[in-house]
Amino acid sequence: MDFLTRLSQFEPVPGGWELIVVDNSSTDSTPAIVEEFARSASIPVRSVRAGVGGLARARNVGIAESAGDLLAFTDDDCYPRLDYLRALVEVFDEYGPGFIGGRVVLHDPTDASVGVRDVTVPKEIPPRTFISAGAILGANMAVSREVVRTIGGFDPHLGAGTSCLAGEDTEYLARAAWAGWSGRYDPRPVVAHHHGRKPGPDAIRQARGYDYGRGAYYIKFVLDRRSRRTYLKHWYWAARRDLMEARIGRPWRELVGAARYLTSRLWRPEPMPTFDDQQTPAPAHVAGQQPRSTPDDALGEEQGALHPHRRDPRHGSGPAHSRRQDDAP
C-alpha cells in the first residue's frame, strides 16, 4: 500500500495519467489491496492479472491495457519521486527520444548497491549502437507509444521468472535502438529502490543473476546479422578484461545465460506480442468518479504499473529515420 499511496501523490501532468497494476500471479492479498486503493484514488486505476509468471509477460499485459502516448515502467519495491511524471514529460518534450531512463537510487542506504544506477550525468543513446546492460534499468524507464507499435512487447524468455533471470529491460531498449530510435539517460526522473538485500550472499546472488541475463541479451543480438559485429566486439573485449583480472565466473555465467536463452527459445517457443493495431482499452473503473477517457502519459510495472497519457502527439517521438509530425490539438 505504501507504493500505491506514493503514486497517488504525484505532481499532476497535462492531460492526466492512469495507473495500471499488473498482478503477476500473486497468492497474497494484492487484489484486495489494489481494489481498496482504487475506490479512493483520484486517478484512473486498472488492475489486471498476468496468468503466467514472469516480469516480461507482466509488462506485456500492462502495455496491452494502457492507453497513453508514453508508457513508463517501475517495480513494486520502488518509490518514484513526486515529480517523476513531470520529469519524464520534460525529457521527452526537450529531446524527443523514443525511450528514456533515469536515476535509480537506494531507498535504504544500508542495502547493497545492486539494482541501482545513481548517475547524475545525462547521456544520449544514438540509434543502432551498443547499449550496455544496466545503462537504463527497468525500474525507471519509459518509451513512447510509437516505439511499442514498432517493436512490440518484451521478450518473454528474458527477465525475472525465467531461467535467464534478467535482461528483459536492456534487450527491449536495444531492440528499439536497432529499429532506428534514439534514447536518452537523464538523471531528472528519480526512483528509490527498496530491494532489501544487504551486502552478502543475497546481493551476490542477485549480481550473478544479472550475469546470466547479460549473456542472454548479448546472444540475442549476436544472432541478428545487423547487430552481430557490434555485439561480438563488445562481448569479446568485456570477457577478455574479466579473464585478465581473474574474474572467470562472470564470462562463464554469461555463456550459461546465452545457452539458457537459446534452449528456452528452442524448446518453449513463445512469440513476443505485437501492439501495432492495439485498440484503446475501456476506461479504468475508479469507484465514486468518472474515469478520464484519454489520459496523457503511462507508467507500467511488474506488480504495480502506472500509465500516464498525453493527448498532444508532439509528446511522442518517431524513429530516427522518420520526421516527427505535430498534429493539431
C-alpha atoms as a PDB file:
ATOM      1  CA  MET A   1       0.000   0.000   0.000  1.00  0.00           C
ATOM      2  CA  ASP A   2       2.926   2.383   0.619  1.00  0.00           C
ATOM      3  CA  PHE A   3       3.854   2.017  -3.046  1.00  0.00           C
ATOM      4  CA  LEU A   4       0.329   2.864  -4.229  1.00  0.00           C
ATOM      5  CA  THR A   5      -0.029   5.743  -1.785  1.00  0.00           C
ATOM      6  CA  ARG A   6       3.201   7.220  -3.103  1.00  0.00           C
ATOM      7  CA  LEU A   7       1.916   7.116  -6.657  1.00  0.00           C
ATOM      8  CA  SER A   8      -1.314   8.877  -5.737  1.00  0.00           C
ATOM      9  CA  GLN A   9       0.746  11.849  -4.520  1.00  0.00           C
ATOM     10  CA  PHE A  10       2.452  12.540  -7.874  1.00  0.00           C
ATOM     11  CA  GLU A  11       2.548  16.080  -9.142  1.00  0.00           C
ATOM     12  CA  PRO A  12      -0.052  16.425 -11.936  1.00  0.00           C
ATOM     13  CA  VAL A  13       0.904  16.401 -15.606  1.00  0.00           C
ATOM     14  CA  PRO A  14      -1.029  17.968 -18.515  1.00  0.00           C
ATOM     15  CA  GLY A  15      -3.711  15.590 -19.755  1.00  0.00           C
ATOM     16  CA  GLY A  16      -3.569  13.393 -16.665  1.00  0.00           C
ATOM     17  CA  TRP A  17      -2.366   9.842 -16.287  1.00  0.00           C
ATOM     18  CA  GLU A  18      -3.589   6.369 -15.433  1.00  0.00           C
ATOM     19  CA  LEU A  19      -2.198   3.668 -13.156  1.00  0.00           C
ATOM     20  CA  ILE A  20      -2.161   0.064 -14.309  1.00  0.00           C
ATOM     21  CA  VAL A  21      -1.309  -2.514 -11.666  1.00  0.00           C
ATOM     22  CA  VAL A  22      -0.318  -5.910 -13.020  1.00  0.00           C
ATOM     23  CA  ASP A  23      -0.805  -8.730 -10.527  1.00  0.00           C
ATOM     24  CA  ASN A  24       1.969 -11.124 -11.516  1.00  0.00           C
ATOM     25  CA  SER A  25       0.270 -14.316 -10.301  1.00  0.00           C
ATOM     26  CA  SER A  26       0.312 -13.280  -6.626  1.00  0.00           C
ATOM     27  CA  THR A  27      -1.110 -15.569  -3.937  1.00  0.00           C
ATOM     28  CA  ASP A  28      -1.478 -12.938  -1.215  1.00  0.00           C
ATOM     29  CA  SER A  29      -3.896 -10.057  -0.665  1.00  0.00           C
ATOM     30  CA  THR A  30      -2.650  -7.967  -3.600  1.00  0.00           C
ATOM     31  CA  PRO A  31      -6.027  -7.840  -5.441  1.00  0.00           C
ATOM     32  CA  ALA A  32      -7.883  -6.669  -2.338  1.00  0.00           C
ATOM     33  CA  ILE A  33      -5.265  -4.004  -1.604  1.00  0.00           C
ATOM     34  CA  VAL A  34      -5.467  -2.632  -5.139  1.00  0.00           C
ATOM     35  CA  GLU A  35      -9.267  -2.613  -5.073  1.00  0.00           C
ATOM     36  CA  GLU A  36      -9.267  -0.688  -1.812  1.00  0.00           C
ATOM     37  CA  PHE A  37      -6.820   1.828  -3.236  1.00  0.00           C
ATOM     38  CA  ALA A  38      -8.801   2.239  -6.478  1.00  0.00           C
ATOM     39  CA  ARG A  39     -12.004   3.152  -4.630  1.00  0.00           C
ATOM     40  CA  SER A  40     -10.422   6.236  -3.090  1.00  0.00           C
ATOM     41  CA  ALA A  41      -7.843   7.131  -5.751  1.00  0.00           C
ATOM     42  CA  SER A  42      -8.095  10.454  -7.577  1.00  0.00           C
ATOM     43  CA  ILE A  43      -6.687   8.892 -10.756  1.00  0.00           C
ATOM     44  CA  PRO A  44      -7.954   6.114 -13.045  1.00  0.00           C
ATOM     45  CA  VAL A  45      -6.686   2.774 -11.704  1.00  0.00           C
ATOM     46  CA  ARG A  46      -6.895  -0.501 -13.581  1.00  0.00           C
ATOM     47  CA  SER A  47      -5.848  -3.829 -12.053  1.00  0.00           C
ATOM     48  CA  VAL A  48      -5.135  -6.768 -14.338  1.00  0.00           C
ATOM     49  CA  ARG A  49      -3.726 -10.215 -13.693  1.00  0.00           C
ATOM     50  CA  ALA A  50      -0.911 -11.901 -15.579  1.00  0.00           C
ATOM     51  CA  GLY A  51      -1.940 -15.547 -15.539  1.00  0.00           C
ATOM     52  CA  VAL A  52       1.597 -16.776 -16.237  1.00  0.00           C
ATOM     53  CA  GLY A  53       4.511 -15.618 -14.105  1.00  0.00           C
ATOM     54  CA  GLY A  54       7.455 -13.648 -15.431  1.00  0.00           C
ATOM     55  CA  LEU A  55       8.310  -9.961 -15.409  1.00  0.00           C
ATOM     56  CA  ALA A  56       8.382  -9.610 -19.209  1.00  0.00           C
ATOM     57  CA  ARG A  57       4.938 -11.185 -19.511  1.00  0.00           C
ATOM     58  CA  ALA A  58       3.592  -8.889 -16.797  1.00  0.00           C
ATOM     59  CA  ARG A  59       4.939  -5.840 -18.588  1.00  0.00           C
ATOM     60  CA  ASN A  60       3.281  -7.023 -21.806  1.00  0.00           C
ATOM     61  CA  VAL A  61      -0.057  -7.375 -20.017  1.00  0.00           C
ATOM     62  CA  GLY A  62       0.325  -3.810 -18.748  1.00  0.00           C
ATOM     63  CA  ILE A  63       1.115  -2.499 -22.224  1.00  0.00           C
ATOM     64  CA  ALA A  64      -1.972  -4.202 -23.646  1.00  0.00           C
ATOM     65  CA  GLU A  65      -4.160  -2.427 -21.076  1.00  0.00           C
ATOM     66  CA  SER A  66      -2.599   1.018 -21.456  1.00  0.00           C
ATOM     67  CA  ALA A  67      -3.900   3.973 -23.441  1.00  0.00           C
ATOM     68  CA  GLY A  68      -1.187   6.609 -23.009  1.00  0.00           C
ATOM     69  CA  ASP A  69       1.183   8.122 -25.532  1.00  0.00           C
ATOM     70  CA  LEU A  70       4.004   7.480 -23.060  1.00  0.00           C
ATOM     71  CA  LEU A  71       4.447   4.285 -21.095  1.00  0.00           C
ATOM     72  CA  ALA A  72       6.640   4.343 -18.024  1.00  0.00           C
ATOM     73  CA  PHE A  73       7.672   1.266 -16.041  1.00  0.00           C
ATOM     74  CA  THR A  74       8.700   0.774 -12.456  1.00  0.00           C
ATOM     75  CA  ASP A  75       8.621  -2.042  -9.880  1.00  0.00           C
ATOM     76  CA  ASP A  76       6.564  -2.595  -6.772  1.00  0.00           C
ATOM     77  CA  ASP A  77       9.574  -2.204  -4.468  1.00  0.00           C
ATOM     78  CA  CYS A  78      10.312   1.270  -5.839  1.00  0.00           C
ATOM     79  CA  TYR A  79       9.261   4.771  -4.814  1.00  0.00           C
ATOM     80  CA  PRO A  80       9.298   7.283  -7.672  1.00  0.00           C
ATOM     81  CA  ARG A  81       9.892  10.881  -6.640  1.00  0.00           C
ATOM     82  CA  LEU A  82       6.769  13.045  -6.561  1.00  0.00           C
ATOM     83  CA  ASP A  83       7.891  14.996  -9.640  1.00  0.00           C
ATOM     84  CA  TYR A  84       8.592  11.759 -11.534  1.00  0.00           C
ATOM     85  CA  LEU A  85       5.955  12.058 -14.249  1.00  0.00           C
ATOM     86  CA  ARG A  86       6.632  15.733 -14.811  1.00  0.00           C
ATOM     87  CA  ALA A  87      10.347  14.967 -15.223  1.00  0.00           C
ATOM     88  CA  LEU A  88       9.590  12.229 -17.757  1.00  0.00           C
ATOM     89  CA  VAL A  89       7.407  14.536 -19.825  1.00  0.00           C
ATOM     90  CA  GLU A  90      10.072  17.256 -19.726  1.00  0.00           C
ATOM     91  CA  VAL A  91      12.736  14.914 -21.096  1.00  0.00           C
ATOM     92  CA  PHE A  92      10.509  13.645 -23.902  1.00  0.00           C
ATOM     93  CA  ASP A  93       9.470  17.195 -24.801  1.00  0.00           C
ATOM     94  CA  GLU A  94      13.017  18.577 -24.778  1.00  0.00           C
ATOM     95  CA  TYR A  95      14.805  15.802 -26.661  1.00  0.00           C
ATOM     96  CA  GLY A  96      12.121  13.734 -28.458  1.00  0.00           C
ATOM     97  CA  PRO A  97      13.726  10.320 -27.860  1.00  0.00           C
ATOM     98  CA  GLY A  98      11.965   7.029 -28.378  1.00  0.00           C
ATOM     99  CA  PHE A  99      12.924   5.860 -24.895  1.00  0.00           C
ATOM    100  CA  ILE A 100      14.478   7.213 -21.729  1.00  0.00           C
ATOM    101  CA  GLY A 101      15.746   6.038 -18.361  1.00  0.00           C
ATOM    102  CA  GLY A 102      16.527   7.835 -15.130  1.00  0.00           C
ATOM    103  CA  ARG A 103      18.278   7.511 -11.796  1.00  0.00           C
ATOM    104  CA  VAL A 104      17.601   4.547  -9.531  1.00  0.00           C
ATOM    105  CA  VAL A 105      18.930   5.223  -6.033  1.00  0.00           C
ATOM    106  CA  LEU A 106      18.864   3.218  -2.829  1.00  0.00           C
ATOM    107  CA  HIS A 107      15.825   3.796  -0.643  1.00  0.00           C
ATOM    108  CA  ASP A 108      17.646   2.245   2.324  1.00  0.00           C
ATOM    109  CA  PRO A 109      21.325   3.270   2.401  1.00  0.00           C
ATOM    110  CA  THR A 110      22.181   0.056   4.277  1.00  0.00           C
ATOM    111  CA  ASP A 111      21.073  -2.079   1.319  1.00  0.00           C
ATOM    112  CA  ALA A 112      23.634  -3.437  -1.113  1.00  0.00           C
ATOM    113  CA  SER A 113      24.374  -1.371  -4.205  1.00  0.00           C
ATOM    114  CA  VAL A 114      22.678  -3.726  -6.662  1.00  0.00           C
ATOM    115  CA  GLY A 115      19.761  -2.808  -8.879  1.00  0.00           C
ATOM    116  CA  VAL A 116      20.653   0.876  -8.758  1.00  0.00           C
ATOM    117  CA  ARG A 117      22.076   3.459 -11.152  1.00  0.00           C
ATOM    118  CA  ASP A 118      22.873   6.691  -9.381  1.00  0.00           C
ATOM    119  CA  VAL A 119      24.497   8.638 -12.219  1.00  0.00           C
ATOM    120  CA  THR A 120      23.935  12.389 -12.460  1.00  0.00           C
ATOM    121  CA  VAL A 121      25.387  12.923 -15.957  1.00  0.00           C
ATOM    122  CA  PRO A 122      22.918  12.618 -18.883  1.00  0.00           C
ATOM    123  CA  LYS A 123      23.826  10.518 -21.888  1.00  0.00           C
ATOM    124  CA  GLU A 124      22.414  10.295 -25.394  1.00  0.00           C
ATOM    125  CA  ILE A 125      21.935   6.843 -26.933  1.00  0.00           C
ATOM    126  CA  PRO A 126      22.194   7.023 -30.738  1.00  0.00           C
ATOM    127  CA  PRO A 127      20.266   4.593 -32.931  1.00  0.00           C
ATOM    128  CA  ARG A 128      21.903   1.280 -33.881  1.00  0.00           C
ATOM    129  CA  THR A 129      24.544   1.368 -31.178  1.00  0.00           C
ATOM    130  CA  PHE A 130      25.533  -0.982 -28.372  1.00  0.00           C
ATOM    131  CA  ILE A 131      23.658  -0.475 -25.092  1.00  0.00           C
ATOM    132  CA  SER A 132      25.461  -1.850 -22.070  1.00  0.00           C
ATOM    133  CA  ALA A 133      23.456  -3.891 -19.584  1.00  0.00           C
ATOM    134  CA  GLY A 134      22.393  -1.604 -16.751  1.00  0.00           C
ATOM    135  CA  ALA A 135      22.678   1.596 -18.782  1.00  0.00           C
ATOM    136  CA  ILE A 136      18.944   2.008 -18.146  1.00  0.00           C
ATOM    137  CA  LEU A 137      17.117  -0.048 -15.536  1.00  0.00           C
ATOM    138  CA  GLY A 138      13.609  -1.433 -15.862  1.00  0.00           C
ATOM    139  CA  ALA A 139      12.726   0.131 -12.508  1.00  0.00           C
ATOM    140  CA  ASN A 140      12.893   3.549 -14.189  1.00  0.00           C
ATOM    141  CA  MET A 141      12.326   3.514 -17.930  1.00  0.00           C
ATOM    142  CA  ALA A 142       9.777   4.946 -20.322  1.00  0.00           C
ATOM    143  CA  VAL A 143       9.004   4.526 -24.018  1.00  0.00           C
ATOM    144  CA  SER A 144       6.766   6.280 -26.500  1.00  0.00           C
ATOM    145  CA  ARG A 145       3.669   4.611 -27.884  1.00  0.00           C
ATOM    146  CA  GLU A 146       5.253   4.681 -31.337  1.00  0.00           C
ATOM    147  CA  VAL A 147       8.130   2.531 -30.093  1.00  0.00           C
ATOM    148  CA  VAL A 148       5.656  -0.037 -28.783  1.00  0.00           C
ATOM    149  CA  ARG A 149       3.813  -0.090 -32.105  1.00  0.00           C
ATOM    150  CA  THR A 150       7.105  -0.538 -33.934  1.00  0.00           C
ATOM    151  CA  ILE A 151       8.830  -3.278 -31.917  1.00  0.00           C
ATOM    152  CA  GLY A 152       6.018  -4.952 -29.957  1.00  0.00           C
ATOM    153  CA  GLY A 153       6.364  -6.300 -26.446  1.00  0.00           C
ATOM    154  CA  PHE A 154       9.050  -7.582 -24.120  1.00  0.00           C
ATOM    155  CA  ASP A 155      10.785 -10.893 -24.798  1.00  0.00           C
ATOM    156  CA  PRO A 156       9.102 -13.499 -22.532  1.00  0.00           C
ATOM    157  CA  HIS A 157      12.271 -15.611 -22.478  1.00  0.00           C
ATOM    158  CA  LEU A 158      14.107 -12.913 -20.501  1.00  0.00           C
ATOM    159  CA  GLY A 159      13.796 -11.307 -17.087  1.00  0.00           C
ATOM    160  CA  ALA A 160      12.772 -12.363 -13.608  1.00  0.00           C
ATOM    161  CA  GLY A 161      10.714 -15.538 -13.631  1.00  0.00           C
ATOM    162  CA  THR A 162      12.746 -17.149 -16.430  1.00  0.00           C
ATOM    163  CA  SER A 163      15.927 -19.230 -16.473  1.00  0.00           C
ATOM    164  CA  CYS A 164      17.806 -16.166 -17.746  1.00  0.00           C
ATOM    165  CA  LEU A 165      16.842 -14.197 -14.592  1.00  0.00           C
ATOM    166  CA  ALA A 166      17.330 -10.702 -16.064  1.00  0.00           C
ATOM    167  CA  GLY A 167      17.924  -8.709 -19.244  1.00  0.00           C
ATOM    168  CA  GLU A 168      14.384  -8.008 -20.495  1.00  0.00           C
ATOM    169  CA  ASP A 169      14.710  -4.244 -19.946  1.00  0.00           C
ATOM    170  CA  THR A 170      18.022  -3.727 -21.761  1.00  0.00           C
ATOM    171  CA  GLU A 171      17.002  -6.047 -24.595  1.00  0.00           C
ATOM    172  CA  TYR A 172      13.805  -4.089 -25.147  1.00  0.00           C
ATOM    173  CA  LEU A 173      15.545  -0.731 -25.372  1.00  0.00           C
ATOM    174  CA  ALA A 174      18.325  -2.137 -27.549  1.00  0.00           C
ATOM    175  CA  ARG A 175      15.672  -3.513 -29.891  1.00  0.00           C
ATOM    176  CA  ALA A 176      14.200  -0.029 -30.105  1.00  0.00           C
ATOM    177  CA  ALA A 177      17.627   1.444 -30.835  1.00  0.00           C
ATOM    178  CA  TRP A 178      18.309  -1.047 -33.610  1.00  0.00           C
ATOM    179  CA  ALA A 179      14.892  -0.283 -35.078  1.00  0.00           C
ATOM    180  CA  GLY A 180      16.104   3.292 -35.588  1.00  0.00           C
ATOM    181  CA  TRP A 181      15.117   5.082 -32.372  1.00  0.00           C
ATOM    182  CA  SER A 182      17.348   7.273 -30.256  1.00  0.00           C
ATOM    183  CA  GLY A 183      17.274   7.140 -26.476  1.00  0.00           C
ATOM    184  CA  ARG A 184      18.478   9.117 -23.501  1.00  0.00           C
ATOM    185  CA  TYR A 185      19.559   8.532 -19.943  1.00  0.00           C
ATOM    186  CA  ASP A 186      18.548  11.578 -17.915  1.00  0.00           C
ATOM    187  CA  PRO A 187      19.035  11.990 -14.155  1.00  0.00           C
ATOM    188  CA  ARG A 188      15.866  14.060 -13.617  1.00  0.00           C
ATOM    189  CA  PRO A 189      13.346  11.191 -13.261  1.00  0.00           C
ATOM    190  CA  VAL A 190      14.316   9.570  -9.946  1.00  0.00           C
ATOM    191  CA  VAL A 191      13.172   6.317  -8.353  1.00  0.00           C
ATOM    192  CA  ALA A 192      14.246   4.974  -4.947  1.00  0.00           C
ATOM    193  CA  HIS A 193      14.704   1.179  -4.979  1.00  0.00           C
ATOM    194  CA  HIS A 194      13.875  -0.617  -1.723  1.00  0.00           C
ATOM    195  CA  HIS A 195      15.094  -4.108  -2.642  1.00  0.00           C
ATOM    196  CA  GLY A 196      16.062  -5.041   0.930  1.00  0.00           C
ATOM    197  CA  ARG A 197      19.164  -7.067   0.032  1.00  0.00           C
ATOM    198  CA  LYS A 198      22.045  -6.442   2.398  1.00  0.00           C
ATOM    199  CA  PRO A 199      25.714  -6.849   1.443  1.00  0.00           C
ATOM    200  CA  GLY A 200      26.471 -10.556   1.467  1.00  0.00           C
ATOM    201  CA  PRO A 201      25.057 -13.728  -0.131  1.00  0.00           C
ATOM    202  CA  ASP A 202      21.731 -12.236  -1.282  1.00  0.00           C
ATOM    203  CA  ALA A 203      23.378  -9.333  -3.062  1.00  0.00           C
ATOM    204  CA  ILE A 204      25.993 -11.614  -4.638  1.00  0.00           C
ATOM    205  CA  ARG A 205      23.270 -13.948  -5.875  1.00  0.00           C
ATOM    206  CA  GLN A 206      21.406 -11.026  -7.407  1.00  0.00           C
ATOM    207  CA  ALA A 207      24.511  -9.696  -9.145  1.00  0.00           C
ATOM    208  CA  ARG A 208      25.261 -13.137 -10.570  1.00  0.00           C
ATOM    209  CA  GLY A 209      21.722 -13.305 -11.878  1.00  0.00           C
ATOM    210  CA  TYR A 210      22.429 -10.166 -13.868  1.00  0.00           C
ATOM    211  CA  ASP A 211      25.361 -12.007 -15.496  1.00  0.00           C
ATOM    212  CA  TYR A 212      23.041 -14.713 -16.838  1.00  0.00           C
ATOM    213  CA  GLY A 213      20.662 -12.080 -18.184  1.00  0.00           C
ATOM    214  CA  ARG A 214      23.515 -10.168 -19.800  1.00  0.00           C
ATOM    215  CA  GLY A 215      24.677 -13.252 -21.685  1.00  0.00           C
ATOM    216  CA  ALA A 216      21.142 -13.951 -22.873  1.00  0.00           C
ATOM    217  CA  TYR A 217      20.806 -10.361 -24.064  1.00  0.00           C
ATOM    218  CA  TYR A 218      24.139 -10.499 -25.879  1.00  0.00           C
ATOM    219  CA  ILE A 219      23.423 -13.733 -27.724  1.00  0.00           C
ATOM    220  CA  LYS A 220      20.095 -12.453 -28.999  1.00  0.00           C
ATOM    221  CA  PHE A 221      21.812  -9.533 -30.723  1.00  0.00           C
ATOM    222  CA  VAL A 222      24.647 -11.732 -31.944  1.00  0.00           C
ATOM    223  CA  LEU A 223      22.004 -13.778 -33.754  1.00  0.00           C
ATOM    224  CA  ASP A 224      20.833 -10.662 -35.599  1.00  0.00           C
ATOM    225  CA  ARG A 225      23.111 -10.012 -38.559  1.00  0.00           C
ATOM    226  CA  ARG A 226      22.564  -6.243 -38.302  1.00  0.00           C
ATOM    227  CA  SER A 227      23.972  -6.043 -34.770  1.00  0.00           C
ATOM    228  CA  ARG A 228      26.190  -9.158 -34.753  1.00  0.00           C
ATOM    229  CA  ARG A 229      29.531  -7.480 -35.305  1.00  0.00           C
ATOM    230  CA  THR A 230      28.893  -4.730 -32.750  1.00  0.00           C
ATOM    231  CA  TYR A 231      27.828  -7.138 -30.010  1.00  0.00           C
ATOM    232  CA  LEU A 232      30.526  -9.706 -30.670  1.00  0.00           C
ATOM    233  CA  LYS A 233      33.142  -6.985 -30.390  1.00  0.00           C
ATOM    234  CA  HIS A 234      31.835  -5.649 -27.092  1.00  0.00           C
ATOM    235  CA  TRP A 235      31.313  -9.119 -25.649  1.00  0.00           C
ATOM    236  CA  TYR A 236      34.809 -10.228 -26.640  1.00  0.00           C
ATOM    237  CA  TRP A 237      36.571  -7.257 -25.062  1.00  0.00           C
ATOM    238  CA  ALA A 238      34.462  -7.405 -21.908  1.00  0.00           C
ATOM    239  CA  ALA A 239      35.209 -11.120 -21.479  1.00  0.00           C
ATOM    240  CA  ARG A 240      38.893 -10.527 -22.120  1.00  0.00           C
ATOM    241  CA  ARG A 241      39.053  -7.869 -19.405  1.00  0.00           C
ATOM    242  CA  ASP A 242      37.300 -10.173 -16.962  1.00  0.00           C
ATOM    243  CA  LEU A 243      39.705 -13.028 -17.693  1.00  0.00           C
ATOM    244  CA  MET A 244      42.772 -10.780 -17.398  1.00  0.00           C
ATOM    245  CA  GLU A 245      41.513  -9.682 -13.979  1.00  0.00           C
ATOM    246  CA  ALA A 246      40.872 -13.298 -12.971  1.00  0.00           C
ATOM    247  CA  ARG A 247      37.093 -12.814 -12.941  1.00  0.00           C
ATOM    248  CA  ILE A 248      36.367 -16.141 -14.577  1.00  0.00           C
ATOM    249  CA  GLY A 249      32.888 -16.526 -13.131  1.00  0.00           C
ATOM    250  CA  ARG A 250      31.255 -13.641 -14.961  1.00  0.00           C
ATOM    251  CA  PRO A 251      32.030 -14.645 -18.578  1.00  0.00           C
ATOM    252  CA  TRP A 252      31.158 -18.239 -17.698  1.00  0.00           C
ATOM    253  CA  ARG A 253      27.766 -17.198 -16.360  1.00  0.00           C
ATOM    254  CA  GLU A 254      27.193 -15.078 -19.453  1.00  0.00           C
ATOM    255  CA  LEU A 255      27.793 -18.131 -21.641  1.00  0.00           C
ATOM    256  CA  VAL A 256      25.426 -20.173 -19.490  1.00  0.00           C
ATOM    257  CA  GLY A 257      22.822 -17.408 -19.790  1.00  0.00           C
ATOM    258  CA  ALA A 258      23.230 -17.419 -23.568  1.00  0.00           C
ATOM    259  CA  ALA A 259      22.740 -21.193 -23.635  1.00  0.00           C
ATOM    260  CA  ARG A 260      19.671 -20.930 -21.433  1.00  0.00           C
ATOM    261  CA  TYR A 261      18.146 -18.342 -23.739  1.00  0.00           C
ATOM    262  CA  LEU A 262      18.713 -20.425 -26.850  1.00  0.00           C
ATOM    263  CA  THR A 263      17.344 -23.526 -25.126  1.00  0.00           C
ATOM    264  CA  SER A 264      14.252 -21.654 -23.965  1.00  0.00           C
ATOM    265  CA  ARG A 265      13.536 -20.344 -27.445  1.00  0.00           C
ATOM    266  CA  LEU A 266      14.041 -23.785 -28.960  1.00  0.00           C
ATOM    267  CA  TRP A 267      12.010 -25.885 -26.541  1.00  0.00           C
ATOM    268  CA  ARG A 268       9.465 -23.377 -25.264  1.00  0.00           C
ATOM    269  CA  PRO A 269       8.816 -21.042 -28.201  1.00  0.00           C
ATOM    270  CA  GLU A 270       6.707 -18.053 -27.227  1.00  0.00           C
ATOM    271  CA  PRO A 271       6.325 -15.106 -29.610  1.00  0.00           C
ATOM    272  CA  MET A 272       6.589 -11.527 -28.484  1.00  0.00           C
ATOM    273  CA  PRO A 273       3.199  -9.798 -28.647  1.00  0.00           C
ATOM    274  CA  THR A 274       2.542  -7.019 -31.124  1.00  0.00           C
ATOM    275  CA  PHE A 275       0.568  -3.861 -30.406  1.00  0.00           C
ATOM    276  CA  ASP A 276       0.522  -2.217 -33.827  1.00  0.00           C
ATOM    277  CA  ASP A 277      -3.289  -2.317 -34.150  1.00  0.00           C
ATOM    278  CA  GLN A 278      -3.963  -2.043 -30.434  1.00  0.00           C
ATOM    279  CA  GLN A 279      -7.290  -0.524 -29.505  1.00  0.00           C
ATOM    280  CA  THR A 280      -7.669   1.830 -26.588  1.00  0.00           C
ATOM    281  CA  PRO A 281      -8.911  -0.238 -23.637  1.00  0.00           C
ATOM    282  CA  ALA A 282     -12.111   0.512 -21.820  1.00  0.00           C
ATOM    283  CA  PRO A 283     -11.759   3.329 -19.282  1.00  0.00           C
ATOM    284  CA  ALA A 284     -10.426   2.268 -15.901  1.00  0.00           C
ATOM    285  CA  HIS A 285     -13.031   1.914 -13.183  1.00  0.00           C
ATOM    286  CA  VAL A 286     -12.449   4.140 -10.215  1.00  0.00           C
ATOM    287  CA  ALA A 287     -15.097   3.873  -7.537  1.00  0.00           C
ATOM    288  CA  GLY A 288     -17.022   7.081  -6.972  1.00  0.00           C
ATOM    289  CA  GLN A 289     -15.806   9.023 -10.015  1.00  0.00           C
ATOM    290  CA  GLN A 290     -15.944   9.170 -13.785  1.00  0.00           C
ATOM    291  CA  PRO A 291     -12.651   7.924 -15.237  1.00  0.00           C
ATOM    292  CA  ARG A 292     -10.789  10.040 -17.754  1.00  0.00           C
ATOM    293  CA  SER A 293     -11.204   8.715 -21.244  1.00  0.00           C
ATOM    294  CA  THR A 294      -7.896   9.881 -22.727  1.00  0.00           C
ATOM    295  CA  PRO A 295      -5.048  10.297 -20.249  1.00  0.00           C
ATOM    296  CA  ASP A 296      -1.652  11.574 -21.381  1.00  0.00           C
ATOM    297  CA  ASP A 297       1.293   9.555 -20.045  1.00  0.00           C
ATOM    298  CA  ALA A 298       1.726   5.989 -18.865  1.00  0.00           C
ATOM    299  CA  LEU A 299       3.862   4.135 -16.398  1.00  0.00           C
ATOM    300  CA  GLY A 300       3.966   0.378 -16.124  1.00  0.00           C
ATOM    301  CA  GLU A 301       5.321  -2.095 -13.623  1.00  0.00           C
ATOM    302  CA  GLU A 302       5.615  -5.722 -12.691  1.00  0.00           C
ATOM    303  CA  GLN A 303       3.137  -5.830  -9.813  1.00  0.00           C
ATOM    304  CA  GLY A 304       2.162  -2.221  -9.902  1.00  0.00           C
ATOM    305  CA  ALA A 305       2.185  -0.210 -13.073  1.00  0.00           C
ATOM    306  CA  LEU A 306       1.465   3.377 -13.911  1.00  0.00           C
ATOM    307  CA  HIS A 307       0.371   4.633 -17.273  1.00  0.00           C
ATOM    308  CA  PRO A 308       0.181   8.409 -17.823  1.00  0.00           C
ATOM    309  CA  HIS A 309      -1.365   9.624 -21.114  1.00  0.00           C
ATOM    310  CA  ARG A 310      -0.807  12.548 -23.392  1.00  0.00           C
ATOM    311  CA  ARG A 311      -3.288  13.943 -25.884  1.00  0.00           C
ATOM    312  CA  ASP A 312      -0.763  16.028 -27.760  1.00  0.00           C
ATOM    313  CA  PRO A 313       1.071  13.781 -30.273  1.00  0.00           C
ATOM    314  CA  ARG A 314       4.083  16.053 -30.023  1.00  0.00           C
ATOM    315  CA  HIS A 315       4.871  14.390 -26.707  1.00  0.00           C
ATOM    316  CA  GLY A 316       5.703  11.246 -28.610  1.00  0.00           C
ATOM    317  CA  SER A 317       8.580  10.705 -30.983  1.00  0.00           C
ATOM    318  CA  GLY A 318       9.340   8.876 -34.166  1.00  0.00           C
ATOM    319  CA  PRO A 319      12.176   6.668 -35.335  1.00  0.00           C
ATOM    320  CA  ALA A 320      15.426   8.434 -36.037  1.00  0.00           C
ATOM    321  CA  HIS A 321      14.828   7.987 -39.753  1.00  0.00           C
ATOM    322  CA  SER A 322      11.322   9.478 -39.650  1.00  0.00           C
ATOM    323  CA  ARG A 323      10.043  13.018 -39.420  1.00  0.00           C
ATOM    324  CA  ARG A 324       8.030  13.891 -36.363  1.00  0.00           C
ATOM    325  CA  GLN A 325       4.611  15.368 -37.044  1.00  0.00           C
ATOM    326  CA  ASP A 326       2.780  17.956 -34.954  1.00  0.00           C
ATOM    327  CA  ASP A 327      -0.932  17.299 -35.262  1.00  0.00           C
ATOM    328  CA  ALA A 328      -3.481  19.934 -34.462  1.00  0.00           C
ATOM    329  CA  PRO A 329      -4.814  19.723 -30.903  1.00  0.00           C
END
